[in-house]
Structures are given as C-alpha cells and as structure tokens.
Amino acid sequence: LPKDTKQLLANYKDVPNNIIGAIVEANRTRKDFIAESILKKKPKTVGIYRLTMKANSDNFRQSSVQGVMKRLKAKGIEVIVYEPVLQEELFYNSKVIKSLEEFKEMSDLIVVNRYNEEISDVAYKVYTRDLYYKD
C-alpha cells in the first residue's frame, strides 16, 4: 500500500479514523510476513535487486524493501544491494554491488520487487510477489 500513509496518519492524528492506521499496520504486517518467508529459506546472503517501487523509476529512498532489509539484518542475514543508479558504496549499511553478475553470484536468494529479464538466468534464486510481471 502507498508509502505516504505514514505522513497521512501524522497529518490527521487529531481526526478520529481507523482506516489510515490500519493501512500503516497492514504494511508493517506485510514486511514481517515477507521477511519471515525469506528467513525460512535459510539464506546466508540476500540480494536486493533494485530498490525502486515501480518499473523505470529512480525513487527508492523510502522504498518498502528497506523494512524487509532491516528485519533480515536483525536476524544476522547479510544483505547486499544491486541498484545501478546508486553511486554510494553502502545503502543503509548494506554493500552496493556494481556488477550484476557478481551480485547474482554472491546472492543465495534475490528479492525482486519488479521482475526483469536480466535476472531470468537465476530465476531459481528469485523471491518476488510480482506474479504477473506488471507494475
């Protein structure tokens, strides 16, 4: 659900409502579920393939995958990131891998928000909820 719900909740904190808080809680529950599903696969290194929320986007600073990354790291999982538009060496204390081939090799499991053909050769490593490969 949209990431702006936290801001919406803050803006309407004095207005009685249930739905906005429920959306924020549903988003938190979803991140917990995804992290637990990944942990059940027992990977040592989880790769995050692209940080963007939508295909052809470069907006990832508030990407929901950050919450999943935090949960995995709290359980001792190494998390690496492949995001070509990032210039930094680290993204929230996770190493940014510049080479896609190196990233695929290093990752035991690859979390993909938006599936892309360039990772089809490692489909057996991919964890995604992008069932129809559409935005």
N, C-alpha and C. Protein backbone atom coordinates (compact mmCIF):
# COMPACT_ATOMS: atom_id res chain seq x y z
N LEU A 1 0.84 -1.18 0.00
CA LEU A 1 0.00 0.00 0.00
C LEU A 1 0.88 1.24 0.00
N PRO A 2 0.37 2.36 -0.39
CA PRO A 2 1.21 3.55 -0.57
C PRO A 2 2.04 3.91 0.65
N LYS A 3 3.27 4.34 0.39
CA LYS A 3 4.18 4.70 1.48
C LYS A 3 3.79 6.00 2.16
N ASP A 4 3.00 6.84 1.51
CA ASP A 4 2.61 8.12 2.08
C ASP A 4 1.59 7.98 3.20
N THR A 5 1.17 6.77 3.51
CA THR A 5 0.17 6.58 4.56
C THR A 5 0.69 7.02 5.92
N LYS A 6 1.99 6.87 6.19
CA LYS A 6 2.54 7.33 7.47
C LYS A 6 2.41 8.85 7.59
N GLN A 7 2.67 9.55 6.51
CA GLN A 7 2.52 11.00 6.53
C GLN A 7 1.04 11.37 6.69
N LEU A 8 0.19 10.66 6.00
CA LEU A 8 -1.25 10.90 6.11
C LEU A 8 -1.72 10.69 7.55
N LEU A 9 -1.23 9.64 8.18
CA LEU A 9 -1.58 9.36 9.57
C LEU A 9 -1.13 10.51 10.47
N ALA A 10 0.08 11.02 10.25
CA ALA A 10 0.58 12.14 11.05
C ALA A 10 -0.25 13.40 10.81
N ASN A 11 -0.64 13.64 9.57
CA ASN A 11 -1.43 14.83 9.24
C ASN A 11 -2.82 14.81 9.89
N TYR A 12 -3.38 13.63 10.05
CA TYR A 12 -4.74 13.51 10.57
C TYR A 12 -4.77 12.89 11.97
N LYS A 13 -3.71 13.08 12.74
CA LYS A 13 -3.63 12.45 14.06
C LYS A 13 -4.75 12.91 15.00
N ASP A 14 -5.27 14.12 14.80
CA ASP A 14 -6.33 14.64 15.66
C ASP A 14 -7.73 14.37 15.12
N VAL A 15 -7.82 13.69 13.99
CA VAL A 15 -9.11 13.37 13.39
C VAL A 15 -9.40 11.90 13.65
N PRO A 16 -10.54 11.59 14.27
CA PRO A 16 -10.86 10.19 14.53
C PRO A 16 -10.94 9.39 13.21
N ASN A 17 -10.19 8.33 13.14
CA ASN A 17 -10.22 7.45 11.97
C ASN A 17 -9.58 6.12 12.33
N ASN A 18 -9.92 5.11 11.62
CA ASN A 18 -9.33 3.80 11.81
C ASN A 18 -8.58 3.32 10.58
N ILE A 19 -9.02 3.74 9.43
CA ILE A 19 -8.51 3.16 8.19
C ILE A 19 -7.05 3.49 7.94
N ILE A 20 -6.63 4.72 8.21
CA ILE A 20 -5.24 5.09 7.93
C ILE A 20 -4.29 4.29 8.80
N GLY A 21 -4.60 4.19 10.09
CA GLY A 21 -3.78 3.39 11.00
C GLY A 21 -3.76 1.93 10.59
N ALA A 22 -4.90 1.43 10.12
CA ALA A 22 -4.99 0.04 9.67
C ALA A 22 -4.10 -0.21 8.45
N ILE A 23 -4.03 0.77 7.57
CA ILE A 23 -3.17 0.63 6.38
C ILE A 23 -1.71 0.60 6.80
N VAL A 24 -1.31 1.49 7.70
CA VAL A 24 0.07 1.50 8.19
C VAL A 24 0.40 0.16 8.84
N GLU A 25 -0.51 -0.35 9.65
CA GLU A 25 -0.30 -1.64 10.32
C GLU A 25 -0.25 -2.79 9.30
N ALA A 26 -1.10 -2.73 8.28
CA ALA A 26 -1.09 -3.77 7.23
C ALA A 26 0.25 -3.78 6.50
N ASN A 27 0.80 -2.62 6.23
CA ASN A 27 2.11 -2.54 5.58
C ASN A 27 3.18 -3.16 6.46
N ARG A 28 3.13 -2.89 7.75
CA ARG A 28 4.11 -3.46 8.69
C ARG A 28 3.98 -4.99 8.73
N THR A 29 2.74 -5.46 8.78
CA THR A 29 2.49 -6.90 8.80
C THR A 29 3.02 -7.57 7.53
N ARG A 30 2.84 -6.92 6.41
CA ARG A 30 3.31 -7.46 5.12
C ARG A 30 4.83 -7.59 5.12
N LYS A 31 5.54 -6.58 5.62
CA LYS A 31 7.01 -6.64 5.69
C LYS A 31 7.45 -7.78 6.61
N ASP A 32 6.76 -7.95 7.74
CA ASP A 32 7.07 -9.05 8.65
C ASP A 32 6.89 -10.39 7.94
N PHE A 33 5.78 -10.54 7.22
CA PHE A 33 5.49 -11.78 6.51
C PHE A 33 6.55 -12.09 5.47
N ILE A 34 6.92 -11.10 4.68
CA ILE A 34 7.93 -11.29 3.64
C ILE A 34 9.27 -11.67 4.26
N ALA A 35 9.67 -10.96 5.30
CA ALA A 35 10.95 -11.27 5.95
C ALA A 35 10.94 -12.69 6.52
N GLU A 36 9.86 -13.08 7.17
CA GLU A 36 9.78 -14.44 7.72
C GLU A 36 9.80 -15.49 6.62
N SER A 37 9.14 -15.23 5.51
CA SER A 37 9.15 -16.17 4.37
C SER A 37 10.56 -16.35 3.83
N ILE A 38 11.30 -15.27 3.76
CA ILE A 38 12.69 -15.32 3.28
C ILE A 38 13.55 -16.09 4.28
N LEU A 39 13.39 -15.81 5.56
CA LEU A 39 14.19 -16.47 6.59
C LEU A 39 13.99 -17.98 6.59
N LYS A 40 12.79 -18.44 6.26
CA LYS A 40 12.50 -19.88 6.22
C LYS A 40 13.34 -20.59 5.16
N LYS A 41 13.82 -19.86 4.17
CA LYS A 41 14.65 -20.45 3.12
C LYS A 41 16.11 -20.56 3.54
N LYS A 42 16.45 -19.99 4.68
CA LYS A 42 17.78 -20.07 5.30
C LYS A 42 18.93 -19.57 4.42
N PRO A 43 18.78 -18.42 3.80
CA PRO A 43 19.90 -17.87 3.02
C PRO A 43 20.94 -17.25 3.94
N LYS A 44 22.19 -17.28 3.51
CA LYS A 44 23.25 -16.57 4.25
C LYS A 44 23.35 -15.14 3.74
N THR A 45 23.21 -14.98 2.42
CA THR A 45 23.28 -13.66 1.80
C THR A 45 22.05 -13.44 0.94
N VAL A 46 21.35 -12.35 1.23
CA VAL A 46 20.16 -11.98 0.46
C VAL A 46 20.51 -10.75 -0.37
N GLY A 47 20.27 -10.87 -1.67
CA GLY A 47 20.48 -9.75 -2.57
C GLY A 47 19.18 -9.01 -2.81
N ILE A 48 19.25 -7.70 -2.77
CA ILE A 48 18.09 -6.87 -3.09
C ILE A 48 18.31 -6.33 -4.50
N TYR A 49 17.53 -6.82 -5.44
CA TYR A 49 17.65 -6.41 -6.83
C TYR A 49 16.76 -5.20 -7.07
N ARG A 50 17.39 -4.08 -7.22
CA ARG A 50 16.73 -2.79 -7.44
C ARG A 50 15.91 -2.38 -6.22
N LEU A 51 15.97 -1.13 -5.90
CA LEU A 51 15.29 -0.58 -4.74
C LEU A 51 14.01 0.16 -5.10
N THR A 52 13.77 0.32 -6.37
CA THR A 52 12.64 1.13 -6.81
C THR A 52 11.31 0.42 -6.56
N MET A 53 10.29 1.22 -6.38
CA MET A 53 8.95 0.71 -6.12
C MET A 53 8.24 0.33 -7.42
N LYS A 54 8.56 1.04 -8.50
CA LYS A 54 7.90 0.81 -9.78
C LYS A 54 8.95 0.66 -10.88
N ALA A 55 8.59 -0.01 -11.93
CA ALA A 55 9.48 -0.16 -13.08
C ALA A 55 9.81 1.22 -13.65
N ASN A 56 11.03 1.38 -14.11
CA ASN A 56 11.52 2.62 -14.73
C ASN A 56 11.45 3.83 -13.80
N SER A 57 11.61 3.59 -12.52
CA SER A 57 11.61 4.68 -11.54
C SER A 57 12.99 4.77 -10.92
N ASP A 58 13.35 5.95 -10.42
CA ASP A 58 14.61 6.08 -9.69
C ASP A 58 14.35 6.57 -8.26
N ASN A 59 13.11 6.46 -7.81
CA ASN A 59 12.75 6.87 -6.46
C ASN A 59 12.79 5.65 -5.54
N PHE A 60 13.80 5.59 -4.69
CA PHE A 60 13.92 4.43 -3.81
C PHE A 60 14.26 4.81 -2.38
N ARG A 61 14.35 6.08 -2.07
CA ARG A 61 14.75 6.49 -0.72
C ARG A 61 13.78 6.02 0.36
N GLN A 62 12.52 5.87 0.06
CA GLN A 62 11.55 5.38 1.04
C GLN A 62 10.94 4.05 0.59
N SER A 63 11.70 3.28 -0.16
CA SER A 63 11.22 2.01 -0.66
C SER A 63 10.85 1.08 0.49
N SER A 64 9.76 0.36 0.35
CA SER A 64 9.31 -0.54 1.41
C SER A 64 10.27 -1.70 1.65
N VAL A 65 11.12 -1.99 0.68
CA VAL A 65 12.08 -3.08 0.86
C VAL A 65 13.08 -2.76 1.98
N GLN A 66 13.23 -1.49 2.31
CA GLN A 66 14.12 -1.13 3.42
C GLN A 66 13.67 -1.77 4.72
N GLY A 67 12.36 -1.86 4.94
CA GLY A 67 11.84 -2.50 6.14
C GLY A 67 12.16 -3.99 6.15
N VAL A 68 12.10 -4.62 5.00
CA VAL A 68 12.45 -6.04 4.89
C VAL A 68 13.94 -6.21 5.14
N MET A 69 14.75 -5.33 4.57
CA MET A 69 16.21 -5.38 4.79
C MET A 69 16.53 -5.30 6.27
N LYS A 70 15.91 -4.37 6.96
CA LYS A 70 16.15 -4.16 8.39
C LYS A 70 15.81 -5.43 9.18
N ARG A 71 14.70 -6.05 8.86
CA ARG A 71 14.29 -7.27 9.56
C ARG A 71 15.26 -8.41 9.31
N LEU A 72 15.72 -8.57 8.08
CA LEU A 72 16.67 -9.64 7.75
C LEU A 72 18.01 -9.42 8.46
N LYS A 73 18.50 -8.19 8.42
CA LYS A 73 19.77 -7.88 9.06
C LYS A 73 19.71 -8.09 10.57
N ALA A 74 18.57 -7.82 11.17
CA ALA A 74 18.39 -8.03 12.61
C ALA A 74 18.51 -9.50 12.97
N LYS A 75 18.27 -10.37 12.00
CA LYS A 75 18.39 -11.82 12.21
C LYS A 75 19.76 -12.36 11.77
N GLY A 76 20.69 -11.45 11.45
CA GLY A 76 22.05 -11.87 11.12
C GLY A 76 22.29 -12.21 9.66
N ILE A 77 21.34 -11.91 8.79
CA ILE A 77 21.50 -12.19 7.37
C ILE A 77 22.29 -11.07 6.72
N GLU A 78 23.27 -11.43 5.89
CA GLU A 78 23.99 -10.42 5.12
C GLU A 78 23.07 -9.97 3.98
N VAL A 79 22.94 -8.67 3.81
CA VAL A 79 22.10 -8.11 2.75
C VAL A 79 22.99 -7.28 1.84
N ILE A 80 22.91 -7.57 0.53
CA ILE A 80 23.63 -6.78 -0.47
C ILE A 80 22.61 -6.19 -1.43
N VAL A 81 23.02 -5.14 -2.14
CA VAL A 81 22.10 -4.41 -2.99
C VAL A 81 22.68 -4.26 -4.39
N TYR A 82 21.83 -4.45 -5.40
CA TYR A 82 22.18 -4.10 -6.77
C TYR A 82 21.23 -3.01 -7.21
N GLU A 83 21.75 -1.82 -7.37
CA GLU A 83 20.96 -0.67 -7.83
C GLU A 83 21.88 0.21 -8.66
N PRO A 84 21.81 0.09 -9.99
CA PRO A 84 22.74 0.80 -10.88
C PRO A 84 22.78 2.31 -10.70
N VAL A 85 21.70 2.93 -10.27
CA VAL A 85 21.71 4.39 -10.14
C VAL A 85 22.35 4.87 -8.85
N LEU A 86 22.64 3.97 -7.93
CA LEU A 86 23.30 4.36 -6.68
C LEU A 86 24.79 4.56 -6.90
N GLN A 87 25.31 5.66 -6.43
CA GLN A 87 26.74 5.93 -6.52
C GLN A 87 27.47 5.54 -5.24
N GLU A 88 26.75 5.46 -4.14
CA GLU A 88 27.34 5.15 -2.84
C GLU A 88 27.82 3.70 -2.78
N GLU A 89 28.78 3.46 -1.89
CA GLU A 89 29.29 2.10 -1.66
C GLU A 89 28.35 1.30 -0.76
N LEU A 90 27.61 2.01 0.10
CA LEU A 90 26.69 1.37 1.03
C LEU A 90 25.31 2.00 0.92
N PHE A 91 24.29 1.19 1.14
CA PHE A 91 22.92 1.68 1.23
C PHE A 91 22.37 1.14 2.54
N TYR A 92 22.14 2.02 3.50
CA TYR A 92 21.71 1.62 4.84
C TYR A 92 22.56 0.47 5.38
N ASN A 93 23.86 0.67 5.32
CA ASN A 93 24.86 -0.29 5.81
C ASN A 93 24.85 -1.64 5.10
N SER A 94 24.32 -1.68 3.91
CA SER A 94 24.41 -2.88 3.07
C SER A 94 25.29 -2.53 1.88
N LYS A 95 26.18 -3.45 1.54
CA LYS A 95 27.11 -3.21 0.44
C LYS A 95 26.37 -3.13 -0.90
N VAL A 96 26.71 -2.12 -1.68
CA VAL A 96 26.14 -1.96 -3.01
C VAL A 96 27.09 -2.63 -4.00
N ILE A 97 26.59 -3.61 -4.74
CA ILE A 97 27.38 -4.35 -5.72
C ILE A 97 27.13 -3.72 -7.08
N LYS A 98 28.18 -3.31 -7.74
CA LYS A 98 28.05 -2.60 -9.02
C LYS A 98 27.85 -3.55 -10.21
N SER A 99 28.41 -4.75 -10.12
CA SER A 99 28.33 -5.72 -11.21
C SER A 99 27.13 -6.65 -11.00
N LEU A 100 26.24 -6.71 -11.98
CA LEU A 100 25.08 -7.59 -11.87
C LEU A 100 25.52 -9.05 -11.77
N GLU A 101 26.52 -9.44 -12.53
CA GLU A 101 26.99 -10.83 -12.48
C GLU A 101 27.54 -11.19 -11.10
N GLU A 102 28.32 -10.30 -10.53
CA GLU A 102 28.87 -10.52 -9.19
C GLU A 102 27.73 -10.59 -8.17
N PHE A 103 26.76 -9.70 -8.30
CA PHE A 103 25.60 -9.68 -7.41
C PHE A 103 24.87 -11.02 -7.45
N LYS A 104 24.61 -11.52 -8.65
CA LYS A 104 23.89 -12.79 -8.80
C LYS A 104 24.68 -13.94 -8.18
N GLU A 105 25.98 -13.92 -8.36
CA GLU A 105 26.83 -14.97 -7.82
C GLU A 105 26.88 -14.93 -6.30
N MET A 106 26.94 -13.74 -5.73
CA MET A 106 27.06 -13.58 -4.28
C MET A 106 25.77 -13.90 -3.53
N SER A 107 24.64 -13.76 -4.18
CA SER A 107 23.33 -13.89 -3.52
C SER A 107 22.86 -15.33 -3.46
N ASP A 108 22.45 -15.76 -2.26
CA ASP A 108 21.80 -17.07 -2.12
C ASP A 108 20.33 -16.97 -2.52
N LEU A 109 19.75 -15.81 -2.28
CA LEU A 109 18.36 -15.54 -2.61
C LEU A 109 18.30 -14.08 -3.05
N ILE A 110 17.50 -13.80 -4.06
CA ILE A 110 17.40 -12.44 -4.61
C ILE A 110 15.96 -11.95 -4.48
N VAL A 111 15.80 -10.87 -3.72
CA VAL A 111 14.49 -10.25 -3.53
C VAL A 111 14.26 -9.27 -4.67
N VAL A 112 13.15 -9.47 -5.37
CA VAL A 112 12.86 -8.67 -6.56
C VAL A 112 11.47 -8.05 -6.40
N ASN A 113 11.41 -6.73 -6.38
CA ASN A 113 10.12 -6.05 -6.33
C ASN A 113 9.46 -6.06 -7.71
N ARG A 114 10.24 -5.76 -8.73
CA ARG A 114 9.75 -5.76 -10.11
C ARG A 114 10.66 -6.66 -10.93
N TYR A 115 10.13 -7.79 -11.39
CA TYR A 115 10.91 -8.78 -12.13
C TYR A 115 11.42 -8.20 -13.45
N ASN A 116 12.63 -8.62 -13.82
CA ASN A 116 13.25 -8.15 -15.05
C ASN A 116 13.96 -9.33 -15.70
N GLU A 117 13.93 -9.39 -17.01
CA GLU A 117 14.55 -10.50 -17.75
C GLU A 117 16.05 -10.64 -17.47
N GLU A 118 16.72 -9.58 -17.06
CA GLU A 118 18.16 -9.68 -16.85
C GLU A 118 18.52 -10.58 -15.66
N ILE A 119 17.55 -11.01 -14.90
CA ILE A 119 17.83 -11.96 -13.82
C ILE A 119 17.18 -13.32 -14.08
N SER A 120 16.68 -13.54 -15.28
CA SER A 120 16.00 -14.79 -15.59
C SER A 120 16.92 -16.01 -15.50
N ASP A 121 18.23 -15.79 -15.66
CA ASP A 121 19.17 -16.91 -15.57
C ASP A 121 19.34 -17.42 -14.14
N VAL A 122 18.89 -16.65 -13.16
CA VAL A 122 18.95 -17.08 -11.76
C VAL A 122 17.54 -17.10 -11.16
N ALA A 123 16.56 -17.43 -11.98
CA ALA A 123 15.16 -17.45 -11.52
C ALA A 123 14.98 -18.36 -10.30
N TYR A 124 15.78 -19.40 -10.18
CA TYR A 124 15.69 -20.31 -9.05
C TYR A 124 16.08 -19.65 -7.73
N LYS A 125 16.74 -18.49 -7.79
CA LYS A 125 17.12 -17.74 -6.59
C LYS A 125 16.14 -16.62 -6.26
N VAL A 126 15.22 -16.34 -7.15
CA VAL A 126 14.37 -15.15 -7.05
C VAL A 126 13.20 -15.35 -6.08
N TYR A 127 13.02 -14.36 -5.22
CA TYR A 127 11.85 -14.26 -4.35
C TYR A 127 11.12 -12.99 -4.75
N THR A 128 9.90 -13.12 -5.24
CA THR A 128 9.13 -11.95 -5.68
C THR A 128 7.65 -12.18 -5.46
N ARG A 129 6.94 -11.09 -5.34
CA ARG A 129 5.48 -11.12 -5.30
C ARG A 129 4.93 -10.48 -6.57
N ASP A 130 5.80 -10.20 -7.53
CA ASP A 130 5.42 -9.62 -8.82
C ASP A 130 4.96 -10.77 -9.72
N LEU A 131 3.82 -11.36 -9.38
CA LEU A 131 3.37 -12.58 -10.03
C LEU A 131 3.10 -12.46 -11.51
N TYR A 132 2.66 -11.30 -11.94
CA TYR A 132 2.30 -11.12 -13.33
C TYR A 132 3.31 -10.30 -14.10
N TYR A 133 4.41 -9.95 -13.41
CA TYR A 133 5.48 -9.15 -14.02
C TYR A 133 4.94 -7.85 -14.60
N LYS A 134 4.06 -7.22 -13.84
CA LYS A 134 3.46 -5.94 -14.23
C LYS A 134 3.60 -4.97 -13.08
N ASP A 135 3.55 -3.70 -13.39
CA ASP A 135 3.54 -2.67 -12.35
C ASP A 135 2.17 -2.57 -11.74
